[in-house]
């Protein structure tokens, strides 16, 4: 069988969410370095993970934890005005 190794929908949704949020730091760093095309490519990859999670692997736990992870990321890595 080919495909994703994780068989549990909740675990798969959590992993996709974690990967999408983990891509936020390189995207922000590339945007600050004015490397728009590479940042856009990573953003498309993150968006693909999120779209897959929203329509294929519906995990309520991942939907609840994603805003929390993004808020923590914003507070740690972005300026205060940008985070708000």
PDB file of N, CA and C in Angstrom:
ATOM      1  N   UNK A   1       0.826  -1.183   0.000  1.00  0.00           N
ATOM      2  CA  UNK A   1       0.000   0.000   0.000  1.00  0.00           C
ATOM      3  C   UNK A   1       0.872   1.248   0.000  1.00  0.00           C
ATOM      4  N   UNK A   2       0.534   2.197  -0.809  1.00  0.00           N
ATOM      5  CA  UNK A   2       1.247   3.467  -0.797  1.00  0.00           C
ATOM      6  C   UNK A   2       0.395   4.518  -0.107  1.00  0.00           C
ATOM      7  N   UNK A   3       1.032   5.580   0.303  1.00  0.00           N
ATOM      8  CA  UNK A   3       0.285   6.661   0.927  1.00  0.00           C
ATOM      9  C   UNK A   3       0.862   7.030   2.273  1.00  0.00           C
ATOM     10  N   UNK A   4       0.013   7.581   3.109  1.00  0.00           N
ATOM     11  CA  UNK A   4       0.417   8.036   4.426  1.00  0.00           C
ATOM     12  C   UNK A   4       0.561   6.828   5.343  1.00  0.00           C
ATOM     13  N   UNK A   5       1.617   6.822   6.146  1.00  0.00           N
ATOM     14  CA  UNK A   5       1.876   5.688   7.023  1.00  0.00           C
ATOM     15  C   UNK A   5       0.933   5.642   8.215  1.00  0.00           C
ATOM     16  N   UNK A   6       0.399   6.769   8.614  1.00  0.00           N
ATOM     17  CA  UNK A   6      -0.464   6.823   9.784  1.00  0.00           C
ATOM     18  C   UNK A   6      -1.863   6.388   9.387  1.00  0.00           C
ATOM     19  N   UNK A   7      -2.407   5.448  10.110  1.00  0.00           N
ATOM     20  CA  UNK A   7      -3.741   4.929   9.779  1.00  0.00           C
ATOM     21  C   UNK A   7      -4.849   5.586  10.598  1.00  0.00           C
ATOM     22  N   UNK A   8      -4.502   6.196  11.704  1.00  0.00           N
ATOM     23  CA  UNK A   8      -5.476   6.810  12.586  1.00  0.00           C
ATOM     24  C   UNK A   8      -5.776   8.229  12.097  1.00  0.00           C
ATOM     25  N   UNK A   9      -7.042   8.559  11.887  1.00  0.00           N
ATOM     26  CA  UNK A   9      -7.410   9.867  11.356  1.00  0.00           C
ATOM     27  C   UNK A   9      -7.020  11.004  12.300  1.00  0.00           C
ATOM     28  N   UNK A  10      -7.163  10.786  13.602  1.00  0.00           N
ATOM     29  CA  UNK A  10      -6.807  11.830  14.562  1.00  0.00           C
ATOM     30  C   UNK A  10      -5.313  12.106  14.509  1.00  0.00           C
ATOM     31  N   UNK A  11      -4.489  11.056  14.497  1.00  0.00           N
ATOM     32  CA  UNK A  11      -3.041  11.243  14.426  1.00  0.00           C
ATOM     33  C   UNK A  11      -2.631  11.894  13.116  1.00  0.00           C
ATOM     34  N   UNK A  12      -3.242  11.489  12.039  1.00  0.00           N
ATOM     35  CA  UNK A  12      -2.904  12.068  10.739  1.00  0.00           C
ATOM     36  C   UNK A  12      -3.263  13.554  10.707  1.00  0.00           C
ATOM     37  N   UNK A  13      -4.402  13.916  11.240  1.00  0.00           N
ATOM     38  CA  UNK A  13      -4.792  15.314  11.288  1.00  0.00           C
ATOM     39  C   UNK A  13      -3.842  16.133  12.148  1.00  0.00           C
ATOM     40  N   UNK A  14      -3.421  15.563  13.285  1.00  0.00           N
ATOM     41  CA  UNK A  14      -2.474  16.259  14.160  1.00  0.00           C
ATOM     42  C   UNK A  14      -1.126  16.453  13.468  1.00  0.00           C
ATOM     43  N   UNK A  15      -0.667  15.431  12.758  1.00  0.00           N
ATOM     44  CA  UNK A  15       0.626  15.541  12.069  1.00  0.00           C
ATOM     45  C   UNK A  15       0.559  16.559  10.937  1.00  0.00           C
ATOM     46  N   UNK A  16      -0.517  16.566  10.188  1.00  0.00           N
ATOM     47  CA  UNK A  16      -0.657  17.553   9.116  1.00  0.00           C
ATOM     48  C   UNK A  16      -0.710  18.959   9.693  1.00  0.00           C
ATOM     49  N   UNK A  17      -1.409  19.135  10.811  1.00  0.00           N
ATOM     50  CA  UNK A  17      -1.490  20.437  11.462  1.00  0.00           C
ATOM     51  C   UNK A  17      -0.117  20.884  11.946  1.00  0.00           C
ATOM     52  N   UNK A  18       0.607  19.991  12.586  1.00  0.00           N
ATOM     53  CA  UNK A  18       1.939  20.320  13.083  1.00  0.00           C
ATOM     54  C   UNK A  18       2.875  20.694  11.938  1.00  0.00           C
ATOM     55  N   UNK A  19       2.815  19.972  10.843  1.00  0.00           N
ATOM     56  CA  UNK A  19       3.662  20.282   9.685  1.00  0.00           C
ATOM     57  C   UNK A  19       3.296  21.640   9.087  1.00  0.00           C
ATOM     58  N   UNK A  20       2.020  21.934   8.993  1.00  0.00           N
ATOM     59  CA  UNK A  20       1.586  23.220   8.430  1.00  0.00           C
ATOM     60  C   UNK A  20       2.017  24.383   9.320  1.00  0.00           C
ATOM     61  N   UNK A  21       1.890  24.220  10.632  1.00  0.00           N
ATOM     62  CA  UNK A  21       2.304  25.278  11.551  1.00  0.00           C
ATOM     63  C   UNK A  21       3.831  25.399  11.575  1.00  0.00           C
ATOM     64  N   UNK A  22       4.526  24.280  11.470  1.00  0.00           N
ATOM     65  CA  UNK A  22       5.999  24.312  11.457  1.00  0.00           C
ATOM     66  C   UNK A  22       6.527  25.041  10.219  1.00  0.00           C
ATOM     67  N   UNK A  23       5.778  25.050   9.143  1.00  0.00           N
ATOM     68  CA  UNK A  23       6.198  25.770   7.945  1.00  0.00           C
ATOM     69  C   UNK A  23       6.032  27.282   8.088  1.00  0.00           C
ATOM     70  N   UNK A  24       5.337  27.733   9.114  1.00  0.00           N
ATOM     71  CA  UNK A  24       5.106  29.169   9.285  1.00  0.00           C
ATOM     72  C   UNK A  24       6.412  29.918   9.528  1.00  0.00           C
ATOM     73  N   UNK A  25       7.322  29.367  10.318  1.00  0.00           N
ATOM     74  CA  UNK A  25       8.581  30.064  10.609  1.00  0.00           C
ATOM     75  C   UNK A  25       9.436  30.250   9.355  1.00  0.00           C
ATOM     76  N   UNK A  26       9.671  29.195   8.551  1.00  0.00           N
ATOM     77  CA  UNK A  26      10.451  29.436   7.329  1.00  0.00           C
ATOM     78  C   UNK A  26       9.760  30.397   6.361  1.00  0.00           C
ATOM     79  N   UNK A  27       8.444  30.378   6.317  1.00  0.00           N
ATOM     80  CA  UNK A  27       7.724  31.301   5.433  1.00  0.00           C
ATOM     81  C   UNK A  27       7.968  32.744   5.870  1.00  0.00           C
ATOM     82  N   UNK A  28       7.850  33.007   7.168  1.00  0.00           N
ATOM     83  CA  UNK A  28       8.068  34.362   7.677  1.00  0.00           C
ATOM     84  C   UNK A  28       9.522  34.783   7.468  1.00  0.00           C
ATOM     85  N   UNK A  29      10.461  33.876   7.712  1.00  0.00           N
ATOM     86  CA  UNK A  29      11.880  34.199   7.523  1.00  0.00           C
ATOM     87  C   UNK A  29      12.183  34.503   6.058  1.00  0.00           C
ATOM     88  N   UNK A  30      11.610  33.742   5.155  1.00  0.00           N
ATOM     89  CA  UNK A  30      11.836  33.990   3.727  1.00  0.00           C
ATOM     90  C   UNK A  30      11.186  35.291   3.275  1.00  0.00           C
ATOM     91  N   UNK A  31      10.030  35.615   3.814  1.00  0.00           N
ATOM     92  CA  UNK A  31       9.393  36.886   3.465  1.00  0.00           C
ATOM     93  C   UNK A  31      10.220  38.070   3.952  1.00  0.00           C
ATOM     94  N   UNK A  32      10.809  37.938   5.141  1.00  0.00           N
ATOM     95  CA  UNK A  32      11.672  39.008   5.653  1.00  0.00           C
ATOM     96  C   UNK A  32      12.934  39.155   4.806  1.00  0.00           C
ATOM     97  N   UNK A  33      13.408  38.045   4.221  1.00  0.00           N
ATOM     98  CA  UNK A  33      14.600  38.078   3.369  1.00  0.00           C
ATOM     99  C   UNK A  33      14.257  38.432   1.925  1.00  0.00           C
ATOM    100  N   UNK A  34      12.992  38.769   1.663  1.00  0.00           N
ATOM    101  CA  UNK A  34      12.513  39.152   0.326  1.00  0.00           C
ATOM    102  C   UNK A  34      12.640  38.032  -0.699  1.00  0.00           C
ATOM    103  N   UNK A  35      12.515  36.791  -0.255  1.00  0.00           N
ATOM    104  CA  UNK A  35      12.514  35.642  -1.163  1.00  0.00           C
ATOM    105  C   UNK A  35      11.067  35.163  -1.303  1.00  0.00           C
ATOM    106  N   UNK A  36      10.315  35.909  -2.082  1.00  0.00           N
ATOM    107  CA  UNK A  36       8.865  35.747  -2.180  1.00  0.00           C
ATOM    108  C   UNK A  36       8.478  34.416  -2.811  1.00  0.00           C
ATOM    109  N   UNK A  37       9.173  34.027  -3.874  1.00  0.00           N
ATOM    110  CA  UNK A  37       8.784  32.803  -4.590  1.00  0.00           C
ATOM    111  C   UNK A  37       8.943  31.559  -3.727  1.00  0.00           C
ATOM    112  N   UNK A  38      10.035  31.465  -3.004  1.00  0.00           N
ATOM    113  CA  UNK A  38      10.241  30.302  -2.142  1.00  0.00           C
ATOM    114  C   UNK A  38       9.242  30.306  -0.979  1.00  0.00           C
ATOM    115  N   UNK A  39       8.963  31.493  -0.442  1.00  0.00           N
ATOM    116  CA  UNK A  39       7.961  31.603   0.619  1.00  0.00           C
ATOM    117  C   UNK A  39       6.583  31.203   0.100  1.00  0.00           C
ATOM    118  N   UNK A  40       6.270  31.596  -1.130  1.00  0.00           N
ATOM    119  CA  UNK A  40       4.981  31.227  -1.725  1.00  0.00           C
ATOM    120  C   UNK A  40       4.892  29.723  -1.940  1.00  0.00           C
ATOM    121  N   UNK A  41       5.991  29.105  -2.325  1.00  0.00           N
ATOM    122  CA  UNK A  41       6.010  27.654  -2.515  1.00  0.00           C
ATOM    123  C   UNK A  41       5.747  26.924  -1.195  1.00  0.00           C
ATOM    124  N   UNK A  42       6.399  27.371  -0.132  1.00  0.00           N
ATOM    125  CA  UNK A  42       6.158  26.763   1.180  1.00  0.00           C
ATOM    126  C   UNK A  42       4.736  27.040   1.670  1.00  0.00           C
ATOM    127  N   UNK A  43       4.212  28.218   1.363  1.00  0.00           N
ATOM    128  CA  UNK A  43       2.836  28.540   1.750  1.00  0.00           C
ATOM    129  C   UNK A  43       1.835  27.641   1.028  1.00  0.00           C
ATOM    130  N   UNK A  44       2.109  27.345  -0.235  1.00  0.00           N
ATOM    131  CA  UNK A  44       1.235  26.435  -0.989  1.00  0.00           C
ATOM    132  C   UNK A  44       1.286  25.030  -0.376  1.00  0.00           C
ATOM    133  N   UNK A  45       2.475  24.599   0.040  1.00  0.00           N
ATOM    134  CA  UNK A  45       2.596  23.286   0.687  1.00  0.00           C
ATOM    135  C   UNK A  45       1.812  23.261   2.002  1.00  0.00           C
ATOM    136  N   UNK A  46       1.933  24.320   2.798  1.00  0.00           N
ATOM    137  CA  UNK A  46       1.194  24.392   4.057  1.00  0.00           C
ATOM    138  C   UNK A  46      -0.311  24.435   3.800  1.00  0.00           C
ATOM    139  N   UNK A  47      -0.713  25.185   2.798  1.00  0.00           N
ATOM    140  CA  UNK A  47      -2.129  25.259   2.447  1.00  0.00           C
ATOM    141  C   UNK A  47      -2.652  23.896   1.986  1.00  0.00           C
ATOM    142  N   UNK A  48      -1.837  23.167   1.234  1.00  0.00           N
ATOM    143  CA  UNK A  48      -2.227  21.822   0.811  1.00  0.00           C
ATOM    144  C   UNK A  48      -2.445  20.896   1.997  1.00  0.00           C
ATOM    145  N   UNK A  49      -1.570  20.995   2.994  1.00  0.00           N
ATOM    146  CA  UNK A  49      -1.752  20.185   4.201  1.00  0.00           C
ATOM    147  C   UNK A  49      -3.044  20.559   4.921  1.00  0.00           C
ATOM    148  N   UNK A  50      -3.312  21.859   5.008  1.00  0.00           N
ATOM    149  CA  UNK A  50      -4.523  22.304   5.704  1.00  0.00           C
ATOM    150  C   UNK A  50      -5.788  21.927   4.947  1.00  0.00           C
ATOM    151  N   UNK A  51      -5.760  22.046   3.638  1.00  0.00           N
ATOM    152  CA  UNK A  51      -6.933  21.670   2.836  1.00  0.00           C
ATOM    153  C   UNK A  51      -7.196  20.175   2.961  1.00  0.00           C
ATOM    154  N   UNK A  52      -6.137  19.387   2.913  1.00  0.00           N
ATOM    155  CA  UNK A  52      -6.293  17.947   3.090  1.00  0.00           C
ATOM    156  C   UNK A  52      -6.887  17.649   4.459  1.00  0.00           C
ATOM    157  N   UNK A  53      -6.400  18.331   5.477  1.00  0.00           N
ATOM    158  CA  UNK A  53      -6.899  18.086   6.823  1.00  0.00           C
ATOM    159  C   UNK A  53      -8.364  18.500   6.947  1.00  0.00           C
ATOM    160  N   UNK A  54      -8.746  19.602   6.320  1.00  0.00           N
ATOM    161  CA  UNK A  54     -10.117  20.097   6.461  1.00  0.00           C
ATOM    162  C   UNK A  54     -11.138  19.236   5.719  1.00  0.00           C
ATOM    163  N   UNK A  55     -10.764  18.717   4.557  1.00  0.00           N
ATOM    164  CA  UNK A  55     -11.744  18.014   3.734  1.00  0.00           C
ATOM    165  C   UNK A  55     -11.618  16.501   3.761  1.00  0.00           C
ATOM    166  N   UNK A  56     -10.440  15.992   4.038  1.00  0.00           N
ATOM    167  CA  UNK A  56     -10.245  14.543   4.000  1.00  0.00           C
ATOM    168  C   UNK A  56     -10.161  13.970   5.402  1.00  0.00           C
ATOM    169  N   UNK A  57      -9.339  14.562   6.225  1.00  0.00           N
ATOM    170  CA  UNK A  57      -9.099  14.042   7.569  1.00  0.00           C
ATOM    171  C   UNK A  57      -9.664  15.038   8.561  1.00  0.00           C
ATOM    172  N   UNK A  58     -10.915  14.907   8.884  1.00  0.00           N
ATOM    173  CA  UNK A  58     -11.562  15.848   9.783  1.00  0.00           C
ATOM    174  C   UNK A  58     -11.278  15.412  11.213  1.00  0.00           C
ATOM    175  N   UNK A  59     -10.383  16.141  11.858  1.00  0.00           N
ATOM    176  CA  UNK A  59     -10.019  15.870  13.244  1.00  0.00           C
ATOM    177  C   UNK A  59     -10.358  17.099  14.068  1.00  0.00           C
ATOM    178  N   UNK A  60     -11.319  16.979  14.939  1.00  0.00           N
ATOM    179  CA  UNK A  60     -11.711  18.128  15.757  1.00  0.00           C
ATOM    180  C   UNK A  60     -10.578  18.555  16.671  1.00  0.00           C
ATOM    181  N   UNK A  61      -9.790  17.598  17.132  1.00  0.00           N
ATOM    182  CA  UNK A  61      -8.667  17.929  18.002  1.00  0.00           C
ATOM    183  C   UNK A  61      -7.667  18.810  17.275  1.00  0.00           C
ATOM    184  N   UNK A  62      -7.374  18.487  16.028  1.00  0.00           N
ATOM    185  CA  UNK A  62      -6.438  19.300  15.247  1.00  0.00           C
ATOM    186  C   UNK A  62      -7.017  20.681  14.983  1.00  0.00           C
ATOM    187  N   UNK A  63      -8.314  20.767  14.762  1.00  0.00           N
ATOM    188  CA  UNK A  63      -8.941  22.063  14.522  1.00  0.00           C
ATOM    189  C   UNK A  63      -8.902  22.941  15.765  1.00  0.00           C
ATOM    190  N   UNK A  64      -8.916  22.332  16.943  1.00  0.00           N
ATOM    191  CA  UNK A  64      -8.857  23.093  18.189  1.00  0.00           C
ATOM    192  C   UNK A  64      -7.424  23.520  18.495  1.00  0.00           C
ATOM    193  N   UNK A  65      -6.459  22.644  18.246  1.00  0.00           N
ATOM    194  CA  UNK A  65      -5.080  22.959  18.620  1.00  0.00           C
ATOM    195  C   UNK A  65      -4.385  23.876  17.625  1.00  0.00           C
ATOM    196  N   UNK A  66      -4.829  23.918  16.379  1.00  0.00           N
ATOM    197  CA  UNK A  66      -4.159  24.743  15.374  1.00  0.00           C
ATOM    198  C   UNK A  66      -4.174  26.233  15.729  1.00  0.00           C
ATOM    199  N   UNK A  67      -5.293  26.835  16.119  1.00  0.00           N
ATOM    200  CA  UNK A  67      -5.242  28.255  16.494  1.00  0.00           C
ATOM    201  C   UNK A  67      -4.344  28.522  17.696  1.00  0.00           C
ATOM    202  N   UNK A  68      -4.296  27.576  18.627  1.00  0.00           N
ATOM    203  CA  UNK A  68      -3.433  27.735  19.796  1.00  0.00           C
ATOM    204  C   UNK A  68      -1.969  27.719  19.377  1.00  0.00           C
ATOM    205  N   UNK A  69      -1.596  26.779  18.503  1.00  0.00           N
ATOM    206  CA  UNK A  69      -0.210  26.716  18.028  1.00  0.00           C
ATOM    207  C   UNK A  69       0.161  27.959  17.231  1.00  0.00           C
ATOM    208  N   UNK A  70      -0.756  28.458  16.402  1.00  0.00           N
ATOM    209  CA  UNK A  70      -0.479  29.669  15.634  1.00  0.00           C
ATOM    210  C   UNK A  70      -0.351  30.889  16.544  1.00  0.00           C
ATOM    211  N   UNK A  71      -1.139  30.956  17.607  1.00  0.00           N
ATOM    212  CA  UNK A  71      -1.033  32.072  18.552  1.00  0.00           C
ATOM    213  C   UNK A  71       0.307  32.038  19.287  1.00  0.00           C
ATOM    214  N   UNK A  72       0.732  30.867  19.704  1.00  0.00           N
ATOM    215  CA  UNK A  72       2.039  30.747  20.368  1.00  0.00           C
ATOM    216  C   UNK A  72       3.157  31.120  19.406  1.00  0.00           C
ATOM    217  N   UNK A  73       3.058  30.671  18.161  1.00  0.00           N
ATOM    218  CA  UNK A  73       4.054  31.032  17.159  1.00  0.00           C
ATOM    219  C   UNK A  73       4.098  32.546  16.967  1.00  0.00           C
ATOM    220  N   UNK A  74       2.946  33.171  16.854  1.00  0.00           N
ATOM    221  CA  UNK A  74       2.888  34.618  16.635  1.00  0.00           C
ATOM    222  C   UNK A  74       3.504  35.370  17.808  1.00  0.00           C
ATOM    223  N   UNK A  75       3.225  34.933  19.014  1.00  0.00           N
ATOM    224  CA  UNK A  75       3.780  35.618  20.181  1.00  0.00           C
ATOM    225  C   UNK A  75       5.290  35.439  20.293  1.00  0.00           C
ATOM    226  N   UNK A  76       5.805  34.299  19.861  1.00  0.00           N
ATOM    227  CA  UNK A  76       7.241  34.040  19.974  1.00  0.00           C
ATOM    228  C   UNK A  76       8.058  34.650  18.844  1.00  0.00           C
ATOM    229  N   UNK A  77       7.533  34.666  17.629  1.00  0.00           N
ATOM    230  CA  UNK A  77       8.361  34.990  16.467  1.00  0.00           C
ATOM    231  C   UNK A  77       7.966  36.253  15.716  1.00  0.00           C
ATOM    232  N   UNK A  78       6.851  36.854  16.021  1.00  0.00           N
ATOM    233  CA  UNK A  78       6.428  38.049  15.308  1.00  0.00           C
ATOM    234  C   UNK A  78       6.472  39.255  16.235  1.00  0.00           C
ATOM    235  N   UNK A  79       6.496  40.426  15.629  1.00  0.00           N
ATOM    236  CA  UNK A  79       6.426  41.642  16.429  1.00  0.00           C
ATOM    237  C   UNK A  79       5.052  41.751  17.070  1.00  0.00           C
ATOM    238  N   UNK A  80       4.965  42.523  18.150  1.00  0.00           N
ATOM    239  CA  UNK A  80       3.723  42.591  18.922  1.00  0.00           C
ATOM    240  C   UNK A  80       2.550  43.063  18.061  1.00  0.00           C
ATOM    241  N   UNK A  81       2.728  44.104  17.268  1.00  0.00           N
ATOM    242  CA  UNK A  81       1.634  44.618  16.437  1.00  0.00           C
ATOM    243  C   UNK A  81       1.220  43.597  15.379  1.00  0.00           C
ATOM    244  N   UNK A  82       2.199  42.908  14.816  1.00  0.00           N
ATOM    245  CA  UNK A  82       1.890  41.895  13.805  1.00  0.00           C
ATOM    246  C   UNK A  82       1.157  40.724  14.431  1.00  0.00           C
ATOM    247  N   UNK A  83       1.551  40.350  15.626  1.00  0.00           N
ATOM    248  CA  UNK A  83       0.920  39.212  16.310  1.00  0.00           C
ATOM    249  C   UNK A  83      -0.534  39.501  16.639  1.00  0.00           C
ATOM    250  N   UNK A  84      -0.809  40.731  17.036  1.00  0.00           N
ATOM    251  CA  UNK A  84      -2.193  41.090  17.389  1.00  0.00           C
ATOM    252  C   UNK A  84      -3.015  41.168  16.129  1.00  0.00           C
TER     253      UNK A  84
END
